[in-house]
C-alpha atoms as a PDB file:
ATOM      1  CA  MET A   1     104.173  97.852  89.066  1.00  0.00           C
ATOM      2  CA  LYS A   2     103.410  99.081  92.480  1.00  0.00           C
ATOM      3  CA  LYS A   3     106.523 100.446  93.557  1.00  0.00           C
ATOM      4  CA  VAL A   4     106.884 102.794  90.325  1.00  0.00           C
ATOM      5  CA  PHE A   5     103.461 104.094  91.075  1.00  0.00           C
ATOM      6  CA  LEU A   6     104.379 104.850  94.674  1.00  0.00           C
ATOM      7  CA  GLY A   7     107.827 106.615  93.555  1.00  0.00           C
ATOM      8  CA  LEU A   8     105.933 109.025  91.320  1.00  0.00           C
ATOM      9  CA  CYS A   9     103.161 110.112  93.993  1.00  0.00           C
ATOM     10  CA  VAL A  10     106.060 110.614  96.067  1.00  0.00           C
ATOM     11  CA  LEU A  11     107.923 112.562  93.374  1.00  0.00           C
ATOM     12  CA  PHE A  12     104.703 114.702  92.297  1.00  0.00           C
ATOM     13  CA  LEU A  13     103.908 115.472  96.098  1.00  0.00           C
ATOM     14  CA  LEU A  14     107.765 116.730  96.828  1.00  0.00           C
ATOM     15  CA  ALA A  15     107.582 119.246  93.386  1.00  0.00           C
ATOM     16  CA  GLY A  16     104.008 120.469  95.262  1.00  0.00           C
ATOM     17  CA  ASN A  17     103.753 123.779  92.536  1.00  0.00           C
ATOM     18  CA  ALA A  18     106.218 122.760  90.220  1.00  0.00           C
ATOM     19  CA  SER A  19     105.062 122.057  86.644  1.00  0.00           C
ATOM     20  CA  ALA A  20     104.889 118.469  85.548  1.00  0.00           C
ATOM     21  CA  VAL A  21     108.366 118.812  83.506  1.00  0.00           C
ATOM     22  CA  ASP A  22     109.963 120.128  86.868  1.00  0.00           C
ATOM     23  CA  ALA A  23     109.293 117.122  88.429  1.00  0.00           C
ATOM     24  CA  ASP A  24     112.297 115.312  87.118  1.00  0.00           C
ATOM     25  CA  LYS A  25     114.448 117.724  89.158  1.00  0.00           C
ATOM     26  CA  ALA A  26     112.921 116.025  92.842  1.00  0.00           C
ATOM     27  CA  THR A  27     115.220 113.576  94.341  1.00  0.00           C
ATOM     28  CA  VAL A  28     114.101 111.276  96.801  1.00  0.00           C
ATOM     29  CA  LYS A  29     116.667 109.298  99.123  1.00  0.00           C
ATOM     30  CA  VAL A  30     115.280 106.714 101.614  1.00  0.00           C
ATOM     31  CA  LEU A  31     117.116 107.416 104.953  1.00  0.00           C
ATOM     32  CA  ALA A  32     115.156 104.050 106.637  1.00  0.00           C
ATOM     33  CA  LYS A  33     113.166 101.148 105.910  1.00  0.00           C
ATOM     34  CA  THR A  34     112.904  98.502 108.321  1.00  0.00           C
ATOM     35  CA  ASN A  35     110.999  96.027 110.569  1.00  0.00           C
ATOM     36  CA  LEU A  36     114.066  96.484 113.104  1.00  0.00           C
ATOM     37  CA  SER A  37     115.080  98.943 115.532  1.00  0.00           C
ATOM     38  CA  TRP A  38     118.745  99.983 115.666  1.00  0.00           C
ATOM     39  CA  ASN A  39     119.981  97.085 118.129  1.00  0.00           C
ATOM     40  CA  GLN A  40     118.495  94.767 115.512  1.00  0.00           C
ATOM     41  CA  ASN A  41     115.213  94.087 117.613  1.00  0.00           C
ATOM     42  CA  ALA A  42     112.299  93.547 115.843  1.00  0.00           C
ATOM     43  CA  LEU A  43     109.951  96.335 116.220  1.00  0.00           C
ATOM     44  CA  PRO A  44     106.354  95.822 117.869  1.00  0.00           C
ATOM     45  CA  ASN A  45     103.200  96.346 116.556  1.00  0.00           C
ATOM     46  CA  TYR A  46     101.357  99.312 116.433  1.00  0.00           C
ATOM     47  CA  PRO A  47      99.464  99.824 120.041  1.00  0.00           C
ATOM     48  CA  ALA A  48      95.856  99.430 119.619  1.00  0.00           C
ATOM     49  CA  GLY A  49      92.835 102.005 119.955  1.00  0.00           C
ATOM     50  CA  PRO A  50      93.118 105.504 117.874  1.00  0.00           C
ATOM     51  CA  PRO A  51      96.418 106.658 116.570  1.00  0.00           C
ATOM     52  CA  GLU A  52      98.156 109.727 117.385  1.00  0.00           C
ATOM     53  CA  VAL A  53     101.514 110.644 115.464  1.00  0.00           C
ATOM     54  CA  THR A  54     103.673 113.012 117.425  1.00  0.00           C
ATOM     55  CA  ILE A  55     106.163 114.709 116.024  1.00  0.00           C
ATOM     56  CA  LEU A  56     108.837 116.391 118.283  1.00  0.00           C
ATOM     57  CA  ARG A  57     111.902 118.737 117.503  1.00  0.00           C
ATOM     58  CA  ILE A  58     114.474 118.232 120.142  1.00  0.00           C
ATOM     59  CA  LYS A  59     117.856 120.141 120.911  1.00  0.00           C
ATOM     60  CA  ILE A  60     120.542 118.742 123.090  1.00  0.00           C
ATOM     61  CA  PRO A  61     123.449 121.106 124.274  1.00  0.00           C
ATOM     62  CA  ALA A  62     127.046 119.487 123.755  1.00  0.00           C
ATOM     63  CA  GLY A  63     127.852 117.691 126.921  1.00  0.00           C
ATOM     64  CA  VAL A  64     124.367 117.126 128.124  1.00  0.00           C
ATOM     65  CA  LYS A  65     123.013 113.493 129.066  1.00  0.00           C
ATOM     66  CA  LEU A  66     119.542 112.685 128.708  1.00  0.00           C
ATOM     67  CA  PRO A  67     117.736 110.733 131.718  1.00  0.00           C
ATOM     68  CA  LEU A  68     117.454 107.060 131.261  1.00  0.00           C
ATOM     69  CA  HIS A  69     114.364 106.253 129.638  1.00  0.00           C
ATOM     70  CA  VAL A  70     111.952 103.655 127.383  1.00  0.00           C
ATOM     71  CA  HIS A  71     109.480 104.257 124.360  1.00  0.00           C
ATOM     72  CA  PRO A  72     106.948 102.102 124.509  1.00  0.00           C
ATOM     73  CA  VAL A  73     105.946 103.359 120.796  1.00  0.00           C
ATOM     74  CA  ILE A  74     107.494 103.022 117.472  1.00  0.00           C
ATOM     75  CA  ASN A  75     109.540 106.161 116.979  1.00  0.00           C
ATOM     76  CA  ALA A  76     111.816 107.190 114.056  1.00  0.00           C
ATOM     77  CA  GLY A  77     114.388 110.113 113.822  1.00  0.00           C
ATOM     78  CA  VAL A  78     116.458 112.221 111.871  1.00  0.00           C
ATOM     79  CA  LEU A  79     119.383 113.969 113.466  1.00  0.00           C
ATOM     80  CA  LEU A  80     119.586 117.139 111.642  1.00  0.00           C
ATOM     81  CA  SER A  81     122.838 118.792 113.659  1.00  0.00           C
ATOM     82  CA  GLY A  82     125.536 117.946 115.806  1.00  0.00           C
ATOM     83  CA  GLN A  83     126.264 113.974 117.057  1.00  0.00           C
ATOM     84  CA  LEU A  84     124.346 111.817 119.393  1.00  0.00           C
ATOM     85  CA  THR A  85     125.376 108.607 121.323  1.00  0.00           C
ATOM     86  CA  VAL A  86     122.483 106.297 122.098  1.00  0.00           C
ATOM     87  CA  ILE A  87     123.170 103.656 124.794  1.00  0.00           C
ATOM     88  CA  THR A  88     121.268 101.015 125.996  1.00  0.00           C
ATOM     89  CA  LYS A  89     121.139  99.549 129.719  1.00  0.00           C
ATOM     90  CA  ASP A  90     122.742  96.466 128.376  1.00  0.00           C
ATOM     91  CA  LYS A  91     125.843  99.042 126.907  1.00  0.00           C
ATOM     92  CA  LYS A  92     124.896  98.614 123.161  1.00  0.00           C
ATOM     93  CA  ARG A  93     125.780 102.167 121.584  1.00  0.00           C
ATOM     94  CA  LEU A  94     124.965 103.957 117.989  1.00  0.00           C
ATOM     95  CA  LEU A  95     126.708 107.106 117.550  1.00  0.00           C
ATOM     96  CA  LEU A  96     124.626 109.050 115.188  1.00  0.00           C
ATOM     97  CA  LYS A  97     125.615 111.813 113.081  1.00  0.00           C
ATOM     98  CA  ALA A  98     124.209 114.761 111.353  1.00  0.00           C
ATOM     99  CA  GLY A  99     121.829 113.839 108.319  1.00  0.00           C
ATOM    100  CA  GLU A 100     121.548 110.038 109.822  1.00  0.00           C
ATOM    101  CA  ALA A 101     118.557 108.107 110.600  1.00  0.00           C
ATOM    102  CA  ILE A 102     117.462 106.430 113.255  1.00  0.00           C
ATOM    103  CA  VAL A 103     114.708 103.866 114.295  1.00  0.00           C
ATOM    104  CA  GLU A 104     114.622 103.848 117.892  1.00  0.00           C
ATOM    105  CA  VAL A 105     114.535 101.121 120.383  1.00  0.00           C
ATOM    106  CA  VAL A 106     111.006 100.138 122.033  1.00  0.00           C
ATOM    107  CA  ASN A 107     110.903  99.012 125.376  1.00  0.00           C
ATOM    108  CA  THR A 108     114.132  98.918 125.899  1.00  0.00           C
ATOM    109  CA  TRP A 109     115.807 101.469 128.499  1.00  0.00           C
ATOM    110  CA  HIS A 110     118.251 103.736 126.907  1.00  0.00           C
ATOM    111  CA  TYR A 111     119.580 107.134 127.258  1.00  0.00           C
ATOM    112  CA  GLY A 112     121.498 109.570 124.812  1.00  0.00           C
ATOM    113  CA  ILE A 113     124.495 111.671 125.619  1.00  0.00           C
ATOM    114  CA  ASN A 114     126.134 114.992 123.129  1.00  0.00           C
ATOM    115  CA  GLU A 115     129.629 113.927 123.317  1.00  0.00           C
ATOM    116  CA  GLY A 116     130.230 116.362 120.691  1.00  0.00           C
ATOM    117  CA  ASP A 117     131.127 120.467 120.791  1.00  0.00           C
ATOM    118  CA  GLU A 118     127.699 121.624 119.377  1.00  0.00           C
ATOM    119  CA  ALA A 119     124.380 121.377 119.992  1.00  0.00           C
ATOM    120  CA  ALA A 120     122.539 118.260 118.728  1.00  0.00           C
ATOM    121  CA  GLU A 121     118.943 118.700 117.049  1.00  0.00           C
ATOM    122  CA  ILE A 122     116.888 115.952 115.995  1.00  0.00           C
ATOM    123  CA  ILE A 123     113.315 115.548 114.704  1.00  0.00           C
ATOM    124  CA  VAL A 124     111.629 112.389 115.979  1.00  0.00           C
ATOM    125  CA  PHE A 125     108.459 110.826 114.919  1.00  0.00           C
ATOM    126  CA  TYR A 126     106.221 108.968 117.692  1.00  0.00           C
ATOM    127  CA  ALA A 127     103.723 106.327 116.373  1.00  0.00           C
ATOM    128  CA  GLY A 128     101.230 106.103 119.075  1.00  0.00           C
ATOM    129  CA  SER A 129      97.521 105.843 120.357  1.00  0.00           C
ATOM    130  CA  LYS A 130      95.501 108.707 121.646  1.00  0.00           C
ATOM    131  CA  GLY A 131      95.907 108.787 125.733  1.00  0.00           C
ATOM    132  CA  ASN A 132      99.363 106.717 125.954  1.00  0.00           C
ATOM    133  CA  PRO A 133     102.665 107.638 126.408  1.00  0.00           C
ATOM    134  CA  ILE A 134     105.137 108.259 124.352  1.00  0.00           C
ATOM    135  CA  THR A 135     108.279 108.329 126.856  1.00  0.00           C
ATOM    136  CA  VAL A 136     108.530 106.989 130.417  1.00  0.00           C
ATOM    137  CA  THR A 137     111.021 108.097 132.369  1.00  0.00           C
ATOM    138  CA  GLU A 138     111.673 109.614 135.960  1.00  0.00           C
ATOM    139  CA  LYS A 139     112.039 112.847 135.176  1.00  0.00           C
ATOM    140  CA  ILE A 140     112.143 114.613 132.186  1.00  0.00           C
ATOM    141  CA  PRO A 141     114.812 117.638 131.767  1.00  0.00           C
ATOM    142  CA  ALA A 142     113.513 121.484 131.859  1.00  0.00           C
ATOM    143  CA  SER A 143     115.695 122.129 129.007  1.00  0.00           C
ATOM    144  CA  LEU A 144     113.264 119.554 127.050  1.00  0.00           C
ATOM    145  CA  GLY A 145     109.897 121.229 128.027  1.00  0.00           C
ATOM    146  CA  THR A 146     107.025 118.808 128.954  1.00  0.00           C
ATOM    147  CA  LEU A 147     106.570 116.247 126.359  1.00  0.00           C
ATOM    148  CA  PRO A 148     102.744 115.379 125.087  1.00  0.00           C
ATOM    149  CA  ASP A 149     100.579 113.326 127.331  1.00  0.00           C
ATOM    150  CA  GLU A 150     103.184 112.764 129.991  1.00  0.00           C
END
């Protein structure tokens, strides 16, 4: 019963200003629902303190390799276009293609590389706490700009 009610709420939210009659035309596709990161590690508890959600739209040109970095908070995203390979320090790999979701590794050193022929564009949602970093790295490439609270 609870799931049905939640599903109906989502459908009405997606429908926006559409009439109730049109609500049955809306669709919902779950891209990710898990308590594990892509490498099958359990996600940690959320950090203590006031919550802070950060949403980034990141564009990685073809052939670009991001620096080795770590996220101390849970984050997930959807690749909008292109492809992106994520590689952990212990050589675990994930190939992400346009339209696919990722629940990123937490507290695990990794990097991304665009081995495709076109730019990869991804939207990532970070569930952090106010005043704490969402990414830790030695250097953020100028092409990515400055990440919030870094």
